[in-house]
Amino acid sequence: MSIFKPFKIDGMKSLFLLALFVVLCSQKPIEPEKQKLNGTFEAKSQSFYDSENYWGYVKLQVQEGKIVDVKFKIRDSTLHETFDAKYEAHFAGNELYIQQSRNDWKGVQHYPQELMKKQDIKDIDAVSGATWSYNFFKSCVEKALKDSVVH
């Protein structure tokens, strides 16, 4: 003879338990709330151009998890100057390099605006002819935000 009595559930109790089971199983797990990122985040990077003497620098201002300001520049560490619209003068007589310099300068100006608009570096495409500046920008942004998110 068993010491356990059979457990009997009538129709209403079984319906209630089934409904409770379905509700509990369909709930998403409760995750701790993530803090929204705030502050200024800076980074410098050579991207994968470590054989060149150029460095990208980025400064991001973030409020309540939203990027509200982006400063970006590329520095020539050999000549100790910033890559800008005048930088093409170093390539006088070489139209290909002059055009490349102009394209990358457009990228330097474009990428910060795009980041503020799209809010995610993964959503920004390289400007045609400005992949060099894009790679610096992307690397810097990723590095600046890498360890900044608080979970």
N, C-alpha and C. Protein backbone atom coordinates (compact mmCIF):
# COMPACT_ATOMS: atom_id res chain seq x y z
N MET A 1 0.83 -1.17 0.00
CA MET A 1 0.00 0.00 0.00
C MET A 1 0.88 1.24 0.00
N SER A 2 0.57 2.19 -0.85
CA SER A 2 1.34 3.41 -1.00
C SER A 2 0.92 4.42 0.05
N ILE A 3 1.88 5.15 0.53
CA ILE A 3 1.56 6.20 1.49
C ILE A 3 1.15 7.49 0.79
N PHE A 4 1.38 7.56 -0.53
CA PHE A 4 1.02 8.74 -1.29
C PHE A 4 -0.40 8.61 -1.81
N LYS A 5 -1.14 9.66 -1.61
CA LYS A 5 -2.51 9.68 -2.13
C LYS A 5 -2.46 10.31 -3.51
N PRO A 6 -3.23 9.81 -4.40
CA PRO A 6 -3.26 10.43 -5.73
C PRO A 6 -3.69 11.90 -5.64
N PHE A 7 -3.04 12.72 -6.46
CA PHE A 7 -3.34 14.14 -6.49
C PHE A 7 -4.40 14.35 -7.56
N LYS A 8 -5.54 14.82 -7.13
CA LYS A 8 -6.65 14.99 -8.06
C LYS A 8 -6.91 16.47 -8.28
N ILE A 9 -6.97 16.85 -9.55
CA ILE A 9 -7.26 18.25 -9.90
C ILE A 9 -8.55 18.24 -10.70
N ASP A 10 -9.50 19.04 -10.22
CA ASP A 10 -10.76 19.10 -10.96
C ASP A 10 -10.60 20.03 -12.17
N GLY A 11 -11.59 20.14 -12.97
CA GLY A 11 -11.56 20.88 -14.24
C GLY A 11 -11.15 22.32 -14.10
N MET A 12 -11.70 23.05 -13.14
CA MET A 12 -11.39 24.47 -12.99
C MET A 12 -9.95 24.67 -12.51
N LYS A 13 -9.50 23.83 -11.58
CA LYS A 13 -8.13 23.95 -11.10
C LYS A 13 -7.14 23.64 -12.21
N SER A 14 -7.41 22.63 -13.00
CA SER A 14 -6.48 22.28 -14.08
C SER A 14 -6.45 23.37 -15.14
N LEU A 15 -7.57 23.98 -15.43
CA LEU A 15 -7.62 25.08 -16.39
C LEU A 15 -6.81 26.27 -15.88
N PHE A 16 -6.96 26.57 -14.58
CA PHE A 16 -6.22 27.66 -13.97
C PHE A 16 -4.71 27.38 -14.01
N LEU A 17 -4.29 26.18 -13.65
CA LEU A 17 -2.88 25.83 -13.65
C LEU A 17 -2.29 25.86 -15.06
N LEU A 18 -3.07 25.40 -16.04
CA LEU A 18 -2.61 25.44 -17.42
C LEU A 18 -2.42 26.88 -17.89
N ALA A 19 -3.37 27.74 -17.57
CA ALA A 19 -3.28 29.15 -17.95
C ALA A 19 -2.08 29.81 -17.28
N LEU A 20 -1.87 29.52 -15.99
CA LEU A 20 -0.74 30.07 -15.27
C LEU A 20 0.58 29.60 -15.89
N PHE A 21 0.68 28.33 -16.25
CA PHE A 21 1.86 27.77 -16.88
C PHE A 21 2.16 28.47 -18.21
N VAL A 22 1.12 28.67 -19.02
CA VAL A 22 1.30 29.33 -20.33
C VAL A 22 1.77 30.77 -20.13
N VAL A 23 1.19 31.50 -19.20
CA VAL A 23 1.57 32.88 -18.95
C VAL A 23 3.02 32.95 -18.48
N LEU A 24 3.39 32.10 -17.54
CA LEU A 24 4.76 32.13 -17.01
C LEU A 24 5.79 31.74 -18.07
N CYS A 25 5.46 30.80 -18.92
CA CYS A 25 6.40 30.37 -19.96
C CYS A 25 6.55 31.39 -21.07
N SER A 26 5.56 32.22 -21.26
CA SER A 26 5.61 33.19 -22.36
C SER A 26 6.26 34.50 -21.96
N GLN A 27 6.55 34.69 -20.69
CA GLN A 27 7.18 35.93 -20.23
C GLN A 27 8.65 35.95 -20.59
N LYS A 28 9.13 37.12 -20.99
CA LYS A 28 10.56 37.29 -21.24
C LYS A 28 11.26 37.32 -19.89
N PRO A 29 12.49 36.82 -19.85
CA PRO A 29 13.22 36.89 -18.59
C PRO A 29 13.45 38.34 -18.18
N ILE A 30 13.41 38.58 -16.92
CA ILE A 30 13.63 39.93 -16.43
C ILE A 30 15.13 40.19 -16.43
N GLU A 31 15.53 41.22 -17.15
CA GLU A 31 16.94 41.58 -17.23
C GLU A 31 17.17 42.82 -16.38
N PRO A 32 18.35 42.89 -15.79
CA PRO A 32 18.63 44.13 -15.06
C PRO A 32 18.62 45.30 -16.03
N GLU A 33 18.09 46.41 -15.61
CA GLU A 33 17.99 47.57 -16.48
C GLU A 33 19.39 48.13 -16.77
N LYS A 34 19.65 48.40 -18.03
CA LYS A 34 20.93 48.96 -18.41
C LYS A 34 20.90 50.46 -18.17
N GLN A 35 21.99 50.96 -17.63
CA GLN A 35 22.09 52.39 -17.45
C GLN A 35 22.35 53.03 -18.79
N LYS A 36 21.77 54.19 -18.97
CA LYS A 36 22.04 54.91 -20.21
C LYS A 36 23.40 55.58 -20.10
N LEU A 37 24.13 55.51 -21.20
CA LEU A 37 25.48 56.03 -21.26
C LEU A 37 25.46 57.55 -21.21
N ASN A 38 26.34 58.12 -20.42
CA ASN A 38 26.50 59.57 -20.32
C ASN A 38 27.98 59.87 -20.21
N GLY A 39 28.39 60.95 -20.86
CA GLY A 39 29.77 61.39 -20.69
C GLY A 39 30.47 61.67 -21.99
N THR A 40 31.77 61.89 -21.85
CA THR A 40 32.64 62.15 -22.99
C THR A 40 33.59 60.97 -23.12
N PHE A 41 33.69 60.45 -24.33
CA PHE A 41 34.51 59.27 -24.59
C PHE A 41 35.45 59.59 -25.74
N GLU A 42 36.73 59.32 -25.51
CA GLU A 42 37.75 59.64 -26.49
C GLU A 42 38.58 58.41 -26.81
N ALA A 43 39.11 58.38 -28.03
CA ALA A 43 40.01 57.29 -28.42
C ALA A 43 40.85 57.75 -29.59
N LYS A 44 41.98 57.09 -29.74
CA LYS A 44 42.81 57.28 -30.92
C LYS A 44 43.15 55.90 -31.45
N SER A 45 43.35 55.84 -32.75
CA SER A 45 43.62 54.54 -33.37
C SER A 45 44.31 54.74 -34.70
N GLN A 46 45.12 53.75 -35.05
CA GLN A 46 45.71 53.71 -36.38
C GLN A 46 44.91 52.79 -37.28
N SER A 47 43.80 52.27 -36.78
CA SER A 47 43.03 51.27 -37.50
C SER A 47 44.00 50.13 -37.82
N PHE A 48 44.05 49.68 -39.05
CA PHE A 48 45.02 48.64 -39.40
C PHE A 48 46.16 49.22 -40.23
N TYR A 49 46.28 50.56 -40.20
CA TYR A 49 47.34 51.25 -40.94
C TYR A 49 48.57 51.47 -40.05
N ASP A 50 48.98 50.45 -39.34
CA ASP A 50 50.07 50.62 -38.38
C ASP A 50 51.44 50.83 -39.02
N SER A 51 51.54 50.68 -40.32
CA SER A 51 52.82 50.97 -40.98
C SER A 51 52.87 52.42 -41.48
N GLU A 52 51.76 53.15 -41.30
CA GLU A 52 51.70 54.56 -41.68
C GLU A 52 51.79 55.42 -40.44
N ASN A 53 52.13 56.67 -40.61
CA ASN A 53 52.28 57.59 -39.48
C ASN A 53 51.05 58.46 -39.27
N TYR A 54 49.87 57.87 -39.43
CA TYR A 54 48.63 58.60 -39.25
C TYR A 54 47.85 58.00 -38.09
N TRP A 55 47.17 58.87 -37.36
CA TRP A 55 46.34 58.45 -36.24
C TRP A 55 44.98 59.14 -36.36
N GLY A 56 43.92 58.39 -36.13
CA GLY A 56 42.58 58.97 -36.03
C GLY A 56 42.29 59.28 -34.58
N TYR A 57 41.57 60.37 -34.34
CA TYR A 57 41.17 60.78 -33.00
C TYR A 57 39.67 61.07 -33.02
N VAL A 58 38.97 60.57 -32.02
CA VAL A 58 37.55 60.85 -31.92
C VAL A 58 37.21 61.24 -30.49
N LYS A 59 36.26 62.15 -30.36
CA LYS A 59 35.73 62.57 -29.07
C LYS A 59 34.21 62.56 -29.21
N LEU A 60 33.57 61.70 -28.40
CA LEU A 60 32.12 61.55 -28.46
C LEU A 60 31.49 62.13 -27.20
N GLN A 61 30.45 62.91 -27.37
CA GLN A 61 29.67 63.41 -26.23
C GLN A 61 28.34 62.65 -26.25
N VAL A 62 28.05 61.95 -25.15
CA VAL A 62 26.86 61.11 -25.07
C VAL A 62 26.00 61.57 -23.90
N GLN A 63 24.70 61.75 -24.17
CA GLN A 63 23.74 62.13 -23.13
C GLN A 63 22.55 61.18 -23.18
N GLU A 64 22.27 60.57 -22.04
CA GLU A 64 21.13 59.64 -21.94
C GLU A 64 21.17 58.58 -23.04
N GLY A 65 22.36 58.09 -23.34
CA GLY A 65 22.52 57.02 -24.32
C GLY A 65 22.53 57.48 -25.76
N LYS A 66 22.43 58.77 -26.01
CA LYS A 66 22.40 59.28 -27.38
C LYS A 66 23.67 60.09 -27.66
N ILE A 67 24.30 59.80 -28.80
CA ILE A 67 25.48 60.55 -29.22
C ILE A 67 25.00 61.92 -29.72
N VAL A 68 25.45 62.97 -29.02
CA VAL A 68 24.99 64.32 -29.35
C VAL A 68 26.06 65.19 -30.00
N ASP A 69 27.32 64.77 -29.90
CA ASP A 69 28.39 65.53 -30.54
C ASP A 69 29.54 64.59 -30.86
N VAL A 70 30.15 64.81 -32.02
CA VAL A 70 31.28 63.98 -32.45
C VAL A 70 32.35 64.89 -33.05
N LYS A 71 33.54 64.77 -32.53
CA LYS A 71 34.70 65.46 -33.10
C LYS A 71 35.63 64.38 -33.63
N PHE A 72 36.09 64.56 -34.86
CA PHE A 72 36.95 63.55 -35.49
C PHE A 72 38.03 64.25 -36.30
N LYS A 73 39.24 63.75 -36.17
CA LYS A 73 40.34 64.26 -36.99
C LYS A 73 41.35 63.14 -37.20
N ILE A 74 42.15 63.35 -38.23
CA ILE A 74 43.27 62.45 -38.52
C ILE A 74 44.53 63.30 -38.47
N ARG A 75 45.52 62.80 -37.74
CA ARG A 75 46.79 63.52 -37.59
C ARG A 75 47.92 62.78 -38.28
N ASP A 76 48.76 63.54 -38.94
CA ASP A 76 50.00 63.02 -39.52
C ASP A 76 51.07 63.21 -38.44
N SER A 77 51.52 62.11 -37.86
CA SER A 77 52.47 62.22 -36.74
C SER A 77 53.90 62.48 -37.21
N THR A 78 54.15 62.35 -38.49
CA THR A 78 55.47 62.67 -39.02
C THR A 78 55.59 64.18 -39.24
N LEU A 79 54.58 64.75 -39.89
CA LEU A 79 54.60 66.18 -40.17
C LEU A 79 53.98 67.01 -39.03
N HIS A 80 53.38 66.34 -38.05
CA HIS A 80 52.74 67.00 -36.90
C HIS A 80 51.69 68.01 -37.35
N GLU A 81 50.82 67.53 -38.22
CA GLU A 81 49.72 68.38 -38.67
C GLU A 81 48.46 67.56 -38.85
N THR A 82 47.36 68.26 -38.87
CA THR A 82 46.06 67.61 -39.02
C THR A 82 45.71 67.50 -40.49
N PHE A 83 45.18 66.36 -40.87
CA PHE A 83 44.70 66.12 -42.23
C PHE A 83 43.45 66.98 -42.41
N ASP A 84 43.48 67.88 -43.40
CA ASP A 84 42.34 68.75 -43.65
C ASP A 84 42.28 69.08 -45.14
N ALA A 85 41.49 70.08 -45.50
CA ALA A 85 41.32 70.44 -46.92
C ALA A 85 42.62 70.91 -47.56
N LYS A 86 43.55 71.43 -46.77
CA LYS A 86 44.82 71.93 -47.30
C LYS A 86 45.87 70.84 -47.43
N TYR A 87 45.60 69.68 -46.87
CA TYR A 87 46.60 68.61 -46.84
C TYR A 87 47.00 68.15 -48.25
N GLU A 88 46.11 68.32 -49.20
CA GLU A 88 46.40 67.89 -50.57
C GLU A 88 47.62 68.59 -51.16
N ALA A 89 48.03 69.71 -50.61
CA ALA A 89 49.21 70.44 -51.10
C ALA A 89 50.46 69.57 -51.04
N HIS A 90 50.48 68.59 -50.15
CA HIS A 90 51.63 67.68 -50.05
C HIS A 90 51.76 66.80 -51.29
N PHE A 91 50.70 66.75 -52.09
CA PHE A 91 50.69 65.87 -53.27
C PHE A 91 50.69 66.66 -54.58
N ALA A 92 51.20 67.86 -54.55
CA ALA A 92 51.24 68.71 -55.75
C ALA A 92 51.85 67.94 -56.92
N GLY A 93 51.13 67.98 -58.04
CA GLY A 93 51.58 67.29 -59.24
C GLY A 93 51.09 65.86 -59.36
N ASN A 94 50.49 65.32 -58.33
CA ASN A 94 49.97 63.96 -58.38
C ASN A 94 48.44 64.01 -58.24
N GLU A 95 47.76 64.13 -59.37
CA GLU A 95 46.30 64.31 -59.37
C GLU A 95 45.55 63.17 -58.67
N LEU A 96 46.07 61.95 -58.81
CA LEU A 96 45.42 60.81 -58.16
C LEU A 96 45.41 60.98 -56.64
N TYR A 97 46.54 61.35 -56.06
CA TYR A 97 46.64 61.54 -54.61
C TYR A 97 45.87 62.77 -54.15
N ILE A 98 45.87 63.80 -54.97
CA ILE A 98 45.09 65.00 -54.64
C ILE A 98 43.61 64.64 -54.55
N GLN A 99 43.11 63.89 -55.53
CA GLN A 99 41.70 63.49 -55.50
C GLN A 99 41.41 62.59 -54.30
N GLN A 100 42.33 61.68 -54.02
CA GLN A 100 42.16 60.80 -52.86
C GLN A 100 42.10 61.62 -51.57
N SER A 101 42.94 62.61 -51.48
CA SER A 101 42.95 63.48 -50.31
C SER A 101 41.62 64.22 -50.17
N ARG A 102 41.10 64.71 -51.28
CA ARG A 102 39.80 65.41 -51.26
C ARG A 102 38.67 64.46 -50.84
N ASN A 103 38.69 63.26 -51.39
CA ASN A 103 37.65 62.28 -51.02
C ASN A 103 37.69 61.97 -49.53
N ASP A 104 38.89 61.73 -49.01
CA ASP A 104 38.99 61.40 -47.59
C ASP A 104 38.64 62.59 -46.71
N TRP A 105 38.92 63.80 -47.16
CA TRP A 105 38.51 64.98 -46.39
C TRP A 105 36.99 65.06 -46.32
N LYS A 106 36.31 64.72 -47.41
CA LYS A 106 34.84 64.68 -47.39
C LYS A 106 34.36 63.66 -46.35
N GLY A 107 35.03 62.53 -46.29
CA GLY A 107 34.68 61.51 -45.30
C GLY A 107 34.86 62.01 -43.88
N VAL A 108 35.98 62.67 -43.62
CA VAL A 108 36.25 63.20 -42.28
C VAL A 108 35.12 64.15 -41.85
N GLN A 109 34.59 64.91 -42.77
CA GLN A 109 33.51 65.84 -42.47
C GLN A 109 32.16 65.13 -42.36
N HIS A 110 31.97 64.08 -43.14
CA HIS A 110 30.68 63.39 -43.25
C HIS A 110 30.41 62.41 -42.10
N TYR A 111 31.38 61.62 -41.72
CA TYR A 111 31.15 60.52 -40.78
C TYR A 111 30.63 60.97 -39.41
N PRO A 112 31.12 62.05 -38.83
CA PRO A 112 30.56 62.46 -37.53
C PRO A 112 29.07 62.81 -37.60
N GLN A 113 28.67 63.48 -38.68
CA GLN A 113 27.24 63.82 -38.84
C GLN A 113 26.38 62.57 -38.98
N GLU A 114 26.89 61.61 -39.73
CA GLU A 114 26.17 60.35 -39.92
C GLU A 114 26.03 59.58 -38.60
N LEU A 115 27.08 59.60 -37.80
CA LEU A 115 27.02 58.89 -36.51
C LEU A 115 25.97 59.52 -35.60
N MET A 116 25.90 60.84 -35.57
CA MET A 116 24.88 61.48 -34.74
C MET A 116 23.48 61.17 -35.26
N LYS A 117 23.34 61.07 -36.56
CA LYS A 117 22.05 60.78 -37.16
C LYS A 117 21.63 59.32 -36.94
N LYS A 118 22.53 58.39 -37.17
CA LYS A 118 22.20 56.96 -37.13
C LYS A 118 22.47 56.31 -35.78
N GLN A 119 23.34 56.89 -34.97
CA GLN A 119 23.62 56.45 -33.61
C GLN A 119 24.35 55.10 -33.48
N ASP A 120 24.72 54.49 -34.58
CA ASP A 120 25.42 53.20 -34.52
C ASP A 120 26.42 53.14 -35.66
N ILE A 121 27.66 52.89 -35.33
CA ILE A 121 28.72 52.85 -36.34
C ILE A 121 28.46 51.77 -37.38
N LYS A 122 27.74 50.72 -37.00
CA LYS A 122 27.44 49.63 -37.93
C LYS A 122 26.48 50.07 -39.04
N ASP A 123 25.78 51.18 -38.82
CA ASP A 123 24.82 51.67 -39.81
C ASP A 123 25.41 52.71 -40.76
N ILE A 124 26.69 52.96 -40.64
CA ILE A 124 27.33 53.97 -41.47
C ILE A 124 28.18 53.30 -42.55
N ASP A 125 27.93 53.67 -43.77
CA ASP A 125 28.71 53.14 -44.90
C ASP A 125 29.83 54.11 -45.25
N ALA A 126 30.89 53.57 -45.80
CA ALA A 126 32.00 54.41 -46.25
C ALA A 126 31.57 55.22 -47.46
N VAL A 127 32.01 56.46 -47.50
CA VAL A 127 31.79 57.34 -48.65
C VAL A 127 32.69 56.82 -49.77
N SER A 128 32.18 56.79 -50.98
CA SER A 128 32.96 56.32 -52.12
C SER A 128 34.27 57.10 -52.21
N GLY A 129 35.37 56.38 -52.22
CA GLY A 129 36.68 57.00 -52.31
C GLY A 129 37.25 57.45 -50.97
N ALA A 130 36.50 57.26 -49.88
CA ALA A 130 36.94 57.73 -48.56
C ALA A 130 37.01 56.58 -47.56
N THR A 131 37.45 55.44 -48.01
CA THR A 131 37.56 54.27 -47.14
C THR A 131 38.65 54.45 -46.10
N TRP A 132 39.72 55.09 -46.47
CA TRP A 132 40.83 55.32 -45.55
C TRP A 132 40.34 56.07 -44.31
N SER A 133 39.67 57.19 -44.51
CA SER A 133 39.17 57.97 -43.37
C SER A 133 38.07 57.21 -42.63
N TYR A 134 37.27 56.43 -43.34
CA TYR A 134 36.22 55.62 -42.70
C TYR A 134 36.83 54.61 -41.73
N ASN A 135 37.90 53.96 -42.16
CA ASN A 135 38.52 52.95 -41.30
C ASN A 135 39.07 53.57 -40.02
N PHE A 136 39.66 54.75 -40.12
CA PHE A 136 40.11 55.45 -38.91
C PHE A 136 38.92 55.79 -38.02
N PHE A 137 37.88 56.34 -38.62
CA PHE A 137 36.70 56.76 -37.85
C PHE A 137 36.07 55.57 -37.14
N LYS A 138 35.81 54.52 -37.87
CA LYS A 138 35.16 53.34 -37.30
C LYS A 138 35.99 52.76 -36.15
N SER A 139 37.27 52.63 -36.36
CA SER A 139 38.15 52.07 -35.34
C SER A 139 38.14 52.93 -34.08
N CYS A 140 38.20 54.23 -34.24
CA CYS A 140 38.19 55.14 -33.10
C CYS A 140 36.87 55.08 -32.33
N VAL A 141 35.76 55.10 -33.04
CA VAL A 141 34.45 55.06 -32.38
C VAL A 141 34.29 53.76 -31.61
N GLU A 142 34.62 52.66 -32.24
CA GLU A 142 34.50 51.36 -31.56
C GLU A 142 35.36 51.32 -30.31
N LYS A 143 36.56 51.84 -30.41
CA LYS A 143 37.47 51.84 -29.27
C LYS A 143 36.94 52.75 -28.15
N ALA A 144 36.41 53.91 -28.50
CA ALA A 144 35.90 54.85 -27.50
C ALA A 144 34.72 54.27 -26.73
N LEU A 145 33.87 53.52 -27.42
CA LEU A 145 32.67 52.98 -26.79
C LEU A 145 32.84 51.59 -26.22
N LYS A 146 33.95 50.96 -26.52
CA LYS A 146 34.18 49.55 -26.15
C LYS A 146 33.90 49.26 -24.68
N ASP A 147 34.53 49.99 -23.81
CA ASP A 147 34.40 49.71 -22.38
C ASP A 147 33.52 50.74 -21.66
N SER A 148 32.80 51.53 -22.40
CA SER A 148 32.03 52.60 -21.78
C SER A 148 30.62 52.21 -21.37
N VAL A 149 30.08 51.13 -21.92
CA VAL A 149 28.70 50.74 -21.62
C VAL A 149 28.66 50.06 -20.26
N VAL A 150 27.81 50.58 -19.38
CA VAL A 150 27.64 50.02 -18.05
C VAL A 150 26.44 49.08 -18.08
N HIS A 151 26.64 47.84 -17.62
CA HIS A 151 25.54 46.86 -17.60
C HIS A 151 25.01 46.70 -16.19
